[in-house]
Amino acid sequence: MDCSKMSCERDGEHDNCELETSNGLLTLMREFEIVRNPSMAASLYTIKQKIDEKNLSSIKVIVPAHRKTLMKAFIDRLFTEVYNFEFEDLQVTLRDGLLKQSTEINTITAHELEEIQSEIETYLRSLPALKGELTIITSPLIPDIFIHGFTTRTGGISYIPTLSSFNLFSSSKRRDPKVVVQENLHRLANTAGFNVEKFYQIKTDHANEVWIMGRKEPESFDGITSNQRGVTIAAPGADCIPIVFADPVKKACGVAHSGWKGTLLGVAMATVNAMIAEYGCSLEDIIVVLGPSVGPCCFTLPRESANAFHNLHPECVRLFNSPRPHIDIRKATRILLEQGGILPQNIHDLNQDLNLCTSCHPDKFFSHVRDGLNFGTQIGFISIRE
């Protein structure tokens, strides 16, 4: 790797040195590819792409001791826990044949960390969008006093196939680092018009707890409600339903994450009830929009789990007598909302691409069912305009 930015020259001067090579290393270096970029961030991100192309996770880094701490700081931000790094000191000789002594620098200042973060963010901001334009699906039922929408998978910078391109969730089990997800989120905020500094996302537990904004945040929750202007709340989804709630009368909103477990546990009505209890909302004023989710065409459960949906309503289950019946979590959610008192005409679950099966449309949506454990995530979001 070769780069010429200040961050790569922490000792304040260019290294005028050559590798201390053995015959073994010379042989190995015939397999090497040189990456040259104007910054450490650009170089490491390019290398990350090459590592991911080969689906590698164990990486040896041979680096001069005085640059090891700096390199680790960049790696911590550009890679996740999927990768395992082993560091080895690089022995170098000056052009006059003298061995260069290199002492490891074990500390890095807060200012240097800020510069590293800024360099990475600036580089990621310069990257072109992948797989088309950023697309936001909205509902005509929600008035303009709210900013809201549901994302698709296009218009971001995530390049790993199952995460490409507008992944909006990072975890230790996926190859998309937080900085990439944050850049995608920045692009969404700029397009939709909300403040990314006041953005809060559900911490899913596939249950029915609701966090009322302003109260103490629980460790995990599958619903959020808010009446604070300028604060954006969001629910993830990658087969599970991201649900958005809006009350234009009381100027309150909510989001919920509803998988099959959350659906049966009543997370949608739990969010509605929180809005009623906290903000004085009326059932007839609340609008509910169901974002894209897996359809009954692609989602099955064991017979014993399917029984609960069949008991709710037979139309929620297809091929009930098969070993794995097909489940319609969208129909189940609508039934539960109507039973709870939400007006049928205030529930939007069709049209505007909302009812497209996430698993059936790989060009538009991420899907856990389709893509397995390294799946990407879209979101539903809403805020009250300031």
Protein backbone atom coordinates (compact mmCIF):
# COMPACT_ATOMS: atom_id res chain seq x y z
CA MET A 1 0.00 0.00 0.00
CA ASP A 2 1.29 3.43 -0.88
CA CYS A 3 -0.29 6.73 0.11
CA SER A 4 0.96 10.26 0.48
CA LYS A 5 -1.43 12.00 2.88
CA MET A 6 -0.26 13.40 6.21
CA SER A 7 -2.05 10.63 8.09
CA CYS A 8 0.32 8.14 6.52
CA GLU A 9 3.37 10.10 7.63
CA ARG A 10 2.74 10.40 11.33
CA ASP A 11 6.46 10.72 12.01
CA GLY A 12 6.41 13.90 9.89
CA GLU A 13 8.67 12.70 7.09
CA HIS A 14 8.62 10.33 4.17
CA ASP A 15 10.26 6.98 4.74
CA ASN A 16 13.17 6.57 2.34
CA CYS A 17 13.53 2.84 2.82
CA GLU A 18 13.46 -0.58 1.24
CA LEU A 19 12.03 -3.89 2.43
CA GLU A 20 14.46 -6.22 4.19
CA THR A 21 13.53 -9.18 2.01
CA SER A 22 14.30 -12.85 2.03
CA ASN A 23 14.00 -15.23 -0.90
CA GLY A 24 10.71 -16.49 0.58
CA LEU A 25 9.26 -13.00 0.81
CA LEU A 26 10.43 -12.17 -2.71
CA THR A 27 8.62 -15.24 -3.98
CA LEU A 28 5.50 -14.27 -2.06
CA MET A 29 5.64 -10.71 -3.34
CA ARG A 30 5.18 -11.92 -6.88
CA GLU A 31 1.58 -12.58 -5.78
CA PHE A 32 1.20 -9.08 -4.32
CA GLU A 33 -0.85 -6.29 -5.80
CA ILE A 34 0.18 -2.71 -5.12
CA VAL A 35 -2.57 -0.32 -4.07
CA ARG A 36 -1.77 3.37 -4.53
CA ASN A 37 -4.15 6.04 -3.33
CA PRO A 38 -3.87 9.62 -2.10
CA SER A 39 -5.02 8.73 1.42
CA MET A 40 -4.86 5.95 3.98
CA ALA A 41 -8.68 5.76 3.99
CA ALA A 42 -8.82 5.28 0.23
CA SER A 43 -6.05 2.67 0.26
CA LEU A 44 -7.52 0.61 3.08
CA TYR A 45 -11.04 0.77 1.63
CA THR A 46 -9.70 -0.47 -1.70
CA ILE A 47 -7.91 -3.32 0.09
CA LYS A 48 -11.10 -4.12 2.02
CA GLN A 49 -12.95 -4.50 -1.27
CA LYS A 50 -10.32 -6.93 -2.53
CA ILE A 51 -10.51 -8.91 0.73
CA ASP A 52 -14.30 -9.06 0.47
CA GLU A 53 -14.19 -10.15 -3.16
CA LYS A 54 -12.36 -13.28 -1.97
CA ASN A 55 -14.56 -13.60 1.14
CA LEU A 56 -11.49 -13.59 3.40
CA SER A 57 -11.55 -12.83 7.10
CA SER A 58 -8.05 -13.62 8.48
CA ILE A 59 -5.57 -10.92 7.52
CA LYS A 60 -1.92 -10.37 8.38
CA VAL A 61 -0.72 -6.74 8.44
CA ILE A 62 3.03 -6.20 8.15
CA VAL A 63 3.69 -2.59 9.07
CA PRO A 64 6.50 -0.49 10.59
CA ALA A 65 6.12 -0.40 14.37
CA HIS A 66 5.76 3.37 14.48
CA ARG A 67 2.70 3.18 12.22
CA LYS A 68 0.94 0.23 13.83
CA THR A 69 -1.28 2.27 16.18
CA LEU A 70 -2.32 4.56 13.35
CA MET A 71 -3.11 1.60 11.10
CA LYS A 72 -5.18 -0.03 13.85
CA ALA A 73 -7.21 3.17 14.27
CA PHE A 74 -8.14 3.14 10.58
CA ILE A 75 -8.88 -0.60 10.63
CA ASP A 76 -11.15 -0.25 13.68
CA ARG A 77 -13.35 2.12 11.70
CA LEU A 78 -13.30 0.43 8.29
CA PHE A 79 -13.70 -3.21 9.34
CA THR A 80 -16.06 -5.11 11.65
CA GLU A 81 -15.53 -8.07 13.98
CA VAL A 82 -16.01 -10.41 11.03
CA TYR A 83 -12.32 -9.82 10.29
CA ASN A 84 -9.38 -11.06 12.36
CA PHE A 85 -6.17 -9.03 12.06
CA GLU A 86 -2.69 -10.22 12.99
CA PHE A 87 0.04 -7.57 13.10
CA GLU A 88 3.73 -8.10 12.41
CA ASP A 89 6.50 -5.51 12.59
CA LEU A 90 8.05 -4.62 9.25
CA GLN A 91 11.86 -4.45 9.30
CA VAL A 92 13.19 -1.84 6.90
CA THR A 93 16.64 -0.77 5.76
CA LEU A 94 17.67 2.65 4.55
CA ARG A 95 19.10 2.98 1.07
CA ASP A 96 22.62 3.09 2.53
CA GLY A 97 22.07 -0.38 3.99
CA LEU A 98 21.60 0.67 7.61
CA LEU A 99 18.76 -0.91 9.59
CA LYS A 100 16.16 1.67 10.51
CA GLN A 101 15.13 1.47 14.15
CA SER A 102 11.38 1.75 14.52
CA THR A 103 9.71 2.28 17.87
CA GLU A 104 6.02 1.53 18.30
CA ILE A 105 3.84 4.49 19.24
CA ASN A 106 1.22 3.16 21.65
CA THR A 107 -0.98 6.22 21.99
CA ILE A 108 -3.04 8.27 19.62
CA THR A 109 -4.53 11.65 20.48
CA ALA A 110 -8.21 12.61 20.35
CA HIS A 111 -7.34 15.14 17.66
CA GLU A 112 -5.69 12.44 15.54
CA LEU A 113 -8.76 10.20 15.95
CA GLU A 114 -10.96 13.06 14.77
CA GLU A 115 -8.70 13.55 11.74
CA ILE A 116 -8.88 9.83 10.93
CA GLN A 117 -12.69 9.85 11.19
CA SER A 118 -12.87 12.98 9.05
CA GLU A 119 -10.56 11.50 6.40
CA ILE A 120 -12.68 8.34 6.18
CA GLU A 121 -15.96 10.27 6.03
CA THR A 122 -14.62 12.63 3.35
CA TYR A 123 -13.49 9.70 1.23
CA LEU A 124 -16.77 7.78 1.58
CA ARG A 125 -18.72 10.94 0.73
CA SER A 126 -16.84 11.09 -2.59
CA LEU A 127 -17.92 7.60 -3.67
CA PRO A 128 -20.61 7.28 -6.34
CA ALA A 129 -23.99 5.72 -5.56
CA LEU A 130 -24.32 2.09 -6.62
CA LYS A 131 -27.20 0.26 -8.32
CA GLY A 132 -29.20 3.34 -9.29
CA GLU A 133 -30.70 6.37 -7.61
CA LEU A 134 -31.76 6.62 -3.99
CA THR A 135 -35.47 5.78 -3.90
CA ILE A 136 -37.94 6.55 -1.10
CA ILE A 137 -41.44 5.04 -1.07
CA THR A 138 -44.04 7.30 0.56
CA SER A 139 -47.74 7.07 1.39
CA PRO A 140 -50.32 9.65 0.24
CA LEU A 141 -52.23 9.05 3.48
CA ILE A 142 -49.57 10.80 5.56
CA PRO A 143 -49.81 14.62 5.30
CA ASP A 144 -46.91 16.94 4.60
CA ILE A 145 -46.46 18.02 8.22
CA PHE A 146 -44.49 14.77 8.48
CA ILE A 147 -41.33 13.64 6.69
CA HIS A 148 -41.63 9.91 6.14
CA GLY A 149 -40.79 7.06 3.83
CA PHE A 150 -39.47 3.57 3.26
CA THR A 151 -36.07 2.97 1.71
CA THR A 152 -35.16 0.48 -1.01
CA ARG A 153 -31.76 -1.06 -1.69
CA THR A 154 -30.55 1.42 -4.35
CA GLY A 155 -28.48 4.59 -4.12
CA GLY A 156 -25.96 3.75 -1.40
CA ILE A 157 -22.27 2.84 -1.28
CA SER A 158 -22.41 -0.67 0.25
CA TYR A 159 -20.71 -2.91 -2.31
CA ILE A 160 -20.97 -6.44 -0.82
CA PRO A 161 -23.60 -8.23 -2.96
CA THR A 162 -26.12 -9.07 -0.21
CA LEU A 163 -25.70 -5.60 1.34
CA SER A 164 -25.52 -3.59 -1.87
CA SER A 165 -26.14 -0.81 -2.02
CA PHE A 166 -28.25 1.07 0.53
CA ASN A 167 -27.79 -1.07 3.64
CA LEU A 168 -28.83 0.84 6.78
CA PHE A 169 -27.73 -1.48 9.56
CA SER A 170 -24.29 -2.46 10.83
CA SER A 171 -23.47 -5.30 13.20
CA SER A 172 -20.43 -7.30 14.27
CA LYS A 173 -21.66 -10.19 12.08
CA ARG A 174 -21.75 -8.22 8.82
CA ARG A 175 -19.00 -6.78 6.63
CA ASP A 176 -20.48 -3.29 6.39
CA PRO A 177 -18.83 -1.04 9.03
CA LYS A 178 -20.71 1.72 10.85
CA VAL A 179 -19.01 4.44 8.78
CA VAL A 180 -20.48 3.03 5.55
CA VAL A 181 -23.96 2.69 7.04
CA GLN A 182 -23.64 6.23 8.41
CA GLU A 183 -22.74 7.56 4.96
CA ASN A 184 -25.81 5.83 3.52
CA LEU A 185 -27.89 7.42 6.28
CA HIS A 186 -26.41 10.86 5.52
CA ARG A 187 -27.46 10.47 1.89
CA LEU A 188 -30.97 9.51 2.98
CA ALA A 189 -31.19 12.51 5.35
CA ASN A 190 -30.06 14.89 2.59
CA THR A 191 -32.61 13.48 0.15
CA ALA A 192 -35.54 13.23 2.57
CA GLY A 193 -34.74 16.46 4.41
CA PHE A 194 -34.32 15.36 8.02
CA ASN A 195 -31.58 16.04 10.58
CA VAL A 196 -29.27 13.03 10.81
CA GLU A 197 -28.04 14.22 14.21
CA LYS A 198 -31.54 13.61 15.61
CA PHE A 199 -32.09 10.11 14.26
CA TYR A 200 -33.12 7.14 16.42
CA GLN A 201 -33.60 3.56 15.29
CA ILE A 202 -35.37 0.65 16.98
CA LYS A 203 -33.18 -1.88 18.81
CA THR A 204 -35.06 -5.01 17.86
CA ASP A 205 -35.95 -7.83 20.19
CA HIS A 206 -38.83 -9.30 18.13
CA ALA A 207 -41.17 -8.48 20.99
CA ASN A 208 -43.63 -5.64 21.75
CA GLU A 209 -41.91 -3.12 24.04
CA VAL A 210 -42.31 0.52 22.97
CA TRP A 211 -39.91 3.35 23.81
CA ILE A 212 -41.69 6.65 24.35
CA MET A 213 -39.24 9.32 23.24
CA GLY A 214 -38.16 11.45 26.17
CA ARG A 215 -38.31 8.63 28.67
CA LYS A 216 -35.41 6.35 29.58
CA GLU A 217 -34.39 4.27 26.58
CA PRO A 218 -34.81 0.51 27.15
CA GLU A 219 -32.02 -1.92 26.19
CA SER A 220 -34.21 -3.25 23.38
CA PHE A 221 -37.56 -2.25 21.93
CA ASP A 222 -39.60 -2.85 18.79
CA GLY A 223 -41.58 0.38 18.79
CA ILE A 224 -40.89 4.11 19.25
CA THR A 225 -43.31 7.02 19.62
CA SER A 226 -42.54 10.74 19.51
CA ASN A 227 -44.15 14.18 19.43
CA GLN A 228 -40.84 16.05 19.21
CA ARG A 229 -40.39 18.17 16.11
CA GLY A 230 -37.30 17.51 14.03
CA VAL A 231 -36.60 14.10 15.60
CA THR A 232 -36.61 11.19 13.14
CA ILE A 233 -37.51 7.69 14.33
CA ALA A 234 -36.99 4.57 12.25
CA ALA A 235 -37.82 0.87 12.13
CA PRO A 236 -35.59 -1.64 10.29
CA GLY A 237 -36.91 -4.35 8.03
CA ALA A 238 -35.56 -7.10 5.83
CA ASP A 239 -38.69 -9.30 5.57
CA CYS A 240 -40.09 -8.09 8.91
CA ILE A 241 -42.53 -5.19 8.44
CA PRO A 242 -41.31 -1.64 9.15
CA ILE A 243 -44.50 0.16 10.22
CA VAL A 244 -45.02 3.94 10.36
CA PHE A 245 -47.76 5.64 12.42
CA ALA A 246 -48.92 9.26 12.13
CA ASP A 247 -51.53 11.35 13.92
CA PRO A 248 -51.86 14.72 12.12
CA VAL A 249 -54.36 15.99 14.74
CA LYS A 250 -52.17 15.56 17.83
CA LYS A 251 -48.99 15.84 15.73
CA ALA A 252 -47.50 12.61 17.02
CA CYS A 253 -45.86 9.68 15.26
CA GLY A 254 -44.47 6.23 15.80
CA VAL A 255 -42.64 3.33 14.19
CA ALA A 256 -42.65 -0.42 14.82
CA HIS A 257 -40.68 -3.44 13.71
CA SER A 258 -43.01 -6.39 13.22
CA GLY A 259 -41.76 -9.85 12.37
CA TRP A 260 -43.93 -12.90 12.86
CA LYS A 261 -43.25 -13.00 16.61
CA GLY A 262 -43.84 -9.26 17.06
CA THR A 263 -47.02 -9.52 14.98
CA LEU A 264 -48.47 -12.18 17.28
CA LEU A 265 -47.33 -10.22 20.35
CA GLY A 266 -49.23 -7.18 19.07
CA VAL A 267 -46.37 -4.72 18.58
CA ALA A 268 -48.43 -2.63 16.13
CA MET A 269 -51.29 -2.02 18.58
CA ALA A 270 -48.80 -1.59 21.44
CA THR A 271 -47.38 1.37 19.50
CA VAL A 272 -50.87 2.74 18.84
CA ASN A 273 -51.79 2.39 22.52
CA ALA A 274 -48.60 4.20 23.55
CA MET A 275 -49.56 7.14 21.28
CA ILE A 276 -53.04 7.22 22.80
CA ALA A 277 -51.80 7.05 26.39
CA GLU A 278 -48.91 9.50 25.99
CA TYR A 279 -50.19 12.10 23.53
CA GLY A 280 -53.96 11.80 23.81
CA CYS A 281 -54.32 10.49 20.24
CA SER A 282 -57.68 9.15 19.05
CA LEU A 283 -57.94 5.82 17.23
CA GLU A 284 -59.84 7.37 14.32
CA ASP A 285 -57.04 9.89 13.67
CA ILE A 286 -54.09 7.48 13.55
CA ILE A 287 -52.78 6.54 10.10
CA VAL A 288 -50.77 3.32 9.79
CA VAL A 289 -48.55 2.46 6.81
CA LEU A 290 -47.02 -1.00 6.41
CA GLY A 291 -43.67 -0.94 4.63
CA PRO A 292 -42.36 -3.65 2.29
CA SER A 293 -42.03 -7.11 3.84
CA VAL A 294 -41.87 -10.78 2.94
CA GLY A 295 -45.07 -12.12 1.43
CA PRO A 296 -46.91 -15.40 2.03
CA CYS A 297 -45.40 -16.61 -1.23
CA CYS A 298 -41.96 -16.89 0.42
CA PHE A 299 -42.49 -17.03 4.20
CA THR A 300 -43.23 -20.31 5.95
CA LEU A 301 -43.34 -21.50 9.56
CA PRO A 302 -43.58 -24.91 11.24
CA ARG A 303 -47.17 -26.10 11.71
CA GLU A 304 -47.18 -25.41 15.46
CA SER A 305 -46.20 -21.74 14.93
CA ALA A 306 -48.63 -21.38 12.03
CA ASN A 307 -51.51 -22.43 14.32
CA ALA A 308 -51.50 -19.05 16.07
CA PHE A 309 -51.94 -17.23 12.74
CA HIS A 310 -54.67 -19.66 11.68
CA ASN A 311 -56.46 -19.04 14.97
CA LEU A 312 -56.26 -15.28 14.34
CA HIS A 313 -57.83 -15.75 10.90
CA PRO A 314 -57.67 -18.65 8.42
CA GLU A 315 -56.82 -16.20 5.60
CA CYS A 316 -53.46 -15.51 7.32
CA VAL A 317 -52.29 -19.04 6.40
CA ARG A 318 -51.90 -20.84 3.09
CA LEU A 319 -51.41 -24.61 2.69
CA PHE A 320 -52.24 -25.07 6.37
CA ASN A 321 -52.01 -28.87 6.18
CA SER A 322 -48.45 -28.85 4.84
CA PRO A 323 -45.44 -29.35 7.18
CA ARG A 324 -44.53 -25.65 6.75
CA PRO A 325 -47.59 -23.52 5.98
CA HIS A 326 -47.19 -20.15 4.26
CA ILE A 327 -47.86 -17.14 6.52
CA ASP A 328 -49.22 -13.69 5.63
CA ILE A 329 -47.88 -11.39 8.36
CA ARG A 330 -49.25 -8.32 6.55
CA LYS A 331 -52.83 -9.60 6.61
CA ALA A 332 -52.39 -10.59 10.27
CA THR A 333 -51.14 -7.09 11.10
CA ARG A 334 -54.10 -5.43 9.35
CA ILE A 335 -56.56 -7.72 11.16
CA LEU A 336 -55.02 -6.90 14.55
CA LEU A 337 -55.03 -3.16 13.81
CA GLU A 338 -58.68 -3.23 12.74
CA GLN A 339 -59.60 -5.30 15.79
CA GLY A 340 -57.83 -2.66 17.89
CA GLY A 341 -59.96 0.12 16.42
CA ILE A 342 -57.84 1.59 13.61
CA LEU A 343 -60.12 2.56 10.72
CA PRO A 344 -59.65 0.23 7.70
CA GLN A 345 -59.25 3.22 5.36
CA ASN A 346 -56.42 4.56 7.57
CA ILE A 347 -54.29 1.47 7.01
CA HIS A 348 -52.09 1.66 3.90
CA ASP A 349 -50.59 -1.72 3.03
CA LEU A 350 -51.03 -1.85 -0.75
CA ASN A 351 -49.80 0.12 -3.81
CA GLN A 352 -46.76 2.39 -4.17
CA ASP A 353 -44.59 -0.80 -4.07
CA LEU A 354 -45.48 -1.27 -0.39
CA ASN A 355 -46.93 -4.74 -0.89
CA LEU A 356 -44.12 -6.13 -3.03
CA CYS A 357 -42.56 -9.20 -1.43
CA THR A 358 -39.03 -8.35 -0.29
CA SER A 359 -37.80 -11.87 -1.05
CA CYS A 360 -39.26 -11.86 -4.59
CA HIS A 361 -37.71 -8.51 -5.59
CA PRO A 362 -33.91 -8.63 -5.16
CA ASP A 363 -33.53 -5.54 -7.36
CA LYS A 364 -35.58 -3.44 -4.92
CA PHE A 365 -35.27 -4.89 -1.41
CA PHE A 366 -33.05 -6.74 1.03
CA SER A 367 -34.29 -10.07 2.38
CA HIS A 368 -33.13 -12.34 5.18
CA VAL A 369 -35.19 -15.21 3.79
CA ARG A 370 -33.49 -14.88 0.40
CA ASP A 371 -29.94 -13.80 1.31
CA GLY A 372 -29.17 -15.60 4.56
CA LEU A 373 -27.27 -14.25 7.56
CA ASN A 374 -25.29 -11.51 5.77
CA PHE A 375 -28.43 -9.68 4.69
CA GLY A 376 -28.91 -5.96 4.24
CA THR A 377 -31.57 -3.82 5.90
CA GLN A 378 -34.00 -1.15 4.72
CA ILE A 379 -35.98 1.12 7.06
CA GLY A 380 -39.25 2.95 7.51
CA PHE A 381 -38.86 6.42 9.04
CA ILE A 382 -40.95 9.39 10.12
CA SER A 383 -40.48 12.80 11.79
CA ILE A 384 -42.57 15.87 12.47
CA ARG A 385 -41.31 18.85 10.48
CA GLU A 386 -39.73 21.64 12.53
